[in-house]
Protein backbone atom coordinates (compact mmCIF):
# COMPACT_ATOMS: atom_id res chain seq x y z
CA MET A 1 -26.46 17.09 0.11
CA GLU A 2 -25.12 15.94 3.46
CA SER A 3 -24.39 17.60 6.74
CA GLU A 4 -22.94 16.17 9.91
CA ILE A 5 -22.32 17.70 13.34
CA GLY A 6 -19.03 19.55 13.26
CA THR A 7 -18.55 19.15 9.51
CA THR A 8 -20.26 20.24 6.37
CA ALA A 9 -20.12 18.33 3.14
CA VAL A 10 -20.81 19.93 -0.20
CA GLY A 11 -22.09 17.65 -2.90
CA VAL A 12 -23.00 17.76 -6.54
CA CYS A 13 -25.18 15.64 -8.83
CA TRP A 14 -23.34 14.01 -11.74
CA GLY A 15 -25.62 13.06 -14.60
CA MET A 16 -24.58 10.99 -17.59
CA SER A 17 -27.18 12.27 -20.06
CA GLY A 18 -25.85 14.68 -22.62
CA ASP A 19 -23.30 14.94 -25.33
CA ASN A 20 -19.74 16.19 -25.26
CA LEU A 21 -19.36 15.22 -21.59
CA PRO A 22 -15.83 15.43 -20.18
CA PRO A 23 -14.01 12.17 -19.41
CA THR A 24 -14.75 10.73 -15.97
CA SER A 25 -11.14 11.29 -14.88
CA LYS A 26 -11.52 15.01 -15.66
CA VAL A 27 -14.81 15.20 -13.75
CA THR A 28 -13.32 13.61 -10.63
CA GLU A 29 -10.35 15.97 -10.91
CA MET A 30 -12.72 18.97 -11.09
CA LEU A 31 -14.72 17.66 -8.12
CA ARG A 32 -11.59 17.41 -5.97
CA GLU A 33 -10.16 20.76 -7.13
CA ASN A 34 -13.42 22.50 -6.24
CA GLY A 35 -13.76 20.91 -2.81
CA PHE A 36 -16.73 18.65 -3.44
CA THR A 37 -16.78 15.81 -0.93
CA VAL A 38 -20.02 14.09 -1.97
CA VAL A 39 -21.33 13.19 -5.42
CA ARG A 40 -24.62 11.72 -6.50
CA LEU A 41 -24.72 9.46 -9.54
CA TYR A 42 -28.24 9.00 -10.90
CA VAL A 43 -27.21 5.58 -12.24
CA PRO A 44 -24.29 3.31 -11.29
CA ASP A 45 -22.04 4.26 -14.23
CA SER A 46 -19.05 1.90 -14.23
CA ALA A 47 -16.57 4.45 -15.62
CA ALA A 48 -17.62 7.08 -13.09
CA LEU A 49 -17.47 4.61 -10.19
CA ALA A 50 -14.02 3.41 -11.24
CA ALA A 51 -12.82 7.03 -11.45
CA LEU A 52 -14.22 7.82 -7.98
CA GLY A 53 -12.24 5.01 -6.33
CA CYS A 54 -9.55 6.18 -3.90
CA THR A 55 -10.60 9.84 -4.24
CA GLY A 56 -12.10 10.20 -0.77
CA ILE A 57 -15.29 11.53 -2.37
CA ARG A 58 -18.38 9.94 -0.83
CA VAL A 59 -20.84 8.53 -3.34
CA VAL A 60 -24.63 8.47 -3.41
CA VAL A 61 -25.57 6.03 -6.16
CA GLY A 62 -28.98 5.76 -7.76
CA GLU A 63 -30.91 2.69 -8.78
CA PRO A 64 -32.44 3.37 -12.18
CA ASN A 65 -36.23 3.26 -12.28
CA TYR A 66 -36.09 0.40 -14.80
CA ASP A 67 -34.34 -1.86 -12.22
CA ARG A 68 -37.07 -1.46 -9.60
CA PRO A 69 -39.45 -4.25 -10.75
CA ALA A 70 -36.65 -6.81 -10.50
CA LEU A 71 -35.53 -5.46 -7.12
CA ALA A 72 -39.09 -5.48 -5.77
CA HIS A 73 -40.22 -8.85 -7.14
CA GLY A 74 -36.87 -10.67 -7.14
CA GLY A 75 -36.43 -10.52 -3.38
CA THR A 76 -33.10 -10.22 -1.66
CA ALA A 77 -31.44 -12.45 -4.28
CA ALA A 78 -32.07 -9.86 -7.01
CA ALA A 79 -31.01 -7.05 -4.69
CA ALA A 80 -27.86 -8.96 -3.71
CA ALA A 81 -26.95 -9.34 -7.39
CA TRP A 82 -27.47 -5.58 -7.88
CA ILE A 83 -25.29 -4.86 -4.83
CA ARG A 84 -22.53 -7.17 -6.09
CA GLU A 85 -22.54 -5.56 -9.54
CA ASN A 86 -22.88 -1.93 -8.50
CA ILE A 87 -21.41 -1.63 -5.00
CA GLN A 88 -19.11 -4.53 -4.16
CA ALA A 89 -17.45 -4.39 -7.58
CA TYR A 90 -15.97 -1.04 -6.52
CA PRO A 91 -14.28 -1.67 -3.15
CA THR A 92 -12.28 1.59 -3.24
CA VAL A 93 -15.40 3.76 -3.59
CA LEU A 94 -16.84 5.34 -0.42
CA PHE A 95 -20.54 4.61 -0.84
CA ARG A 96 -22.82 6.56 1.50
CA PHE A 97 -26.35 5.99 0.15
CA VAL A 98 -28.26 3.96 -2.42
CA VAL A 99 -31.14 5.99 -3.84
CA VAL A 100 -33.90 3.64 -4.96
CA GLY A 101 -35.72 5.34 -7.81
CA ASN A 102 -35.69 8.88 -9.04
CA GLU A 103 -38.90 10.87 -8.78
CA VAL A 104 -40.96 7.69 -8.86
CA ALA A 105 -44.23 7.91 -10.78
CA SER A 106 -47.43 7.30 -8.83
CA ALA A 107 -48.13 4.14 -10.84
CA ASP A 108 -44.82 2.63 -9.67
CA MET A 109 -45.11 3.49 -5.98
CA GLN A 110 -46.23 -0.02 -4.99
CA LEU A 111 -42.77 -1.31 -6.03
CA LEU A 112 -40.80 1.30 -4.12
CA VAL A 113 -40.94 0.04 -0.53
CA PRO A 114 -40.38 -3.66 -1.41
CA ALA A 115 -37.38 -2.67 -3.56
CA MET A 116 -35.99 -0.49 -0.76
CA GLU A 117 -36.47 -3.26 1.81
CA ASN A 118 -34.72 -5.81 -0.43
CA VAL A 119 -31.79 -3.47 -1.11
CA HIS A 120 -31.49 -2.72 2.61
CA ALA A 121 -31.51 -6.44 3.47
CA ALA A 122 -28.94 -7.21 0.76
CA LEU A 123 -26.63 -4.46 1.99
CA ALA A 124 -26.91 -5.73 5.57
CA ALA A 125 -26.27 -9.33 4.49
CA ALA A 126 -23.17 -8.21 2.59
CA GLY A 127 -21.81 -6.46 5.69
CA LEU A 128 -22.53 -3.06 4.15
CA GLY A 129 -25.13 -1.85 6.64
CA HIS A 130 -23.34 1.50 6.89
CA ILE A 131 -24.68 2.30 3.39
CA LYS A 132 -28.14 3.77 3.86
CA VAL A 133 -31.13 3.33 1.54
CA THR A 134 -33.30 6.27 0.57
CA THR A 135 -35.44 7.59 -2.30
CA THR A 136 -36.33 10.88 -3.91
CA SER A 137 -39.65 12.49 -4.64
CA ALA A 138 -40.62 15.29 -6.96
CA TYR A 139 -41.90 18.30 -5.04
CA ALA A 140 -45.04 18.27 -7.19
CA ARG A 141 -45.89 14.79 -5.84
CA LEU A 142 -45.93 15.92 -2.22
CA PRO A 143 -49.39 16.40 -0.76
CA SER A 144 -50.61 19.95 -0.61
CA CYS A 145 -51.82 20.90 2.83
CA SER A 146 -51.42 23.64 5.36
CA CYS A 147 -49.59 21.38 7.79
CA SER A 148 -46.00 21.76 8.93
CA PRO A 149 -43.17 19.82 7.25
CA ALA A 150 -42.78 17.76 10.43
CA GLN A 151 -46.31 16.46 9.88
CA LEU A 152 -45.51 15.39 6.29
CA PHE A 153 -42.28 13.46 6.73
CA LEU A 154 -41.54 10.30 8.63
CA ARG A 155 -38.04 8.99 9.21
CA TRP A 156 -38.06 5.22 8.90
CA SER A 157 -35.06 3.11 9.76
CA PRO A 158 -35.55 -0.64 10.25
């Protein structure tokens, strides 16, 4: 999930859908025992975030698709409220990224960039500019062409 010069981080995705899931304290214990240093939460689950505090595990937290209209249309005020509720409420968690959306449908793409810009601005205004903003895309949504990957992807950092 993440790699840095001189170090390698191994991460895992932690979903909350399902039945008979282990308690969050048990999951964080298993993560640490197995050497995972990064975890992705698809949604900002309060119990999981509380359990991840003071563990040293870096967190990639997702913004649920249903929050995107408010984040896109509500400006930085809506994004700031989301940041207060889902990031600042957990000061002992090592947040690394906010993932805006999860495999965003084509019909919702027009909301993606405004939501990302508002979340980025809210993080910066809160003094949390070290937390990066990103998104995910389903492989099936990528354009099919015979070009190289370097021609498909653009790294944007305001």
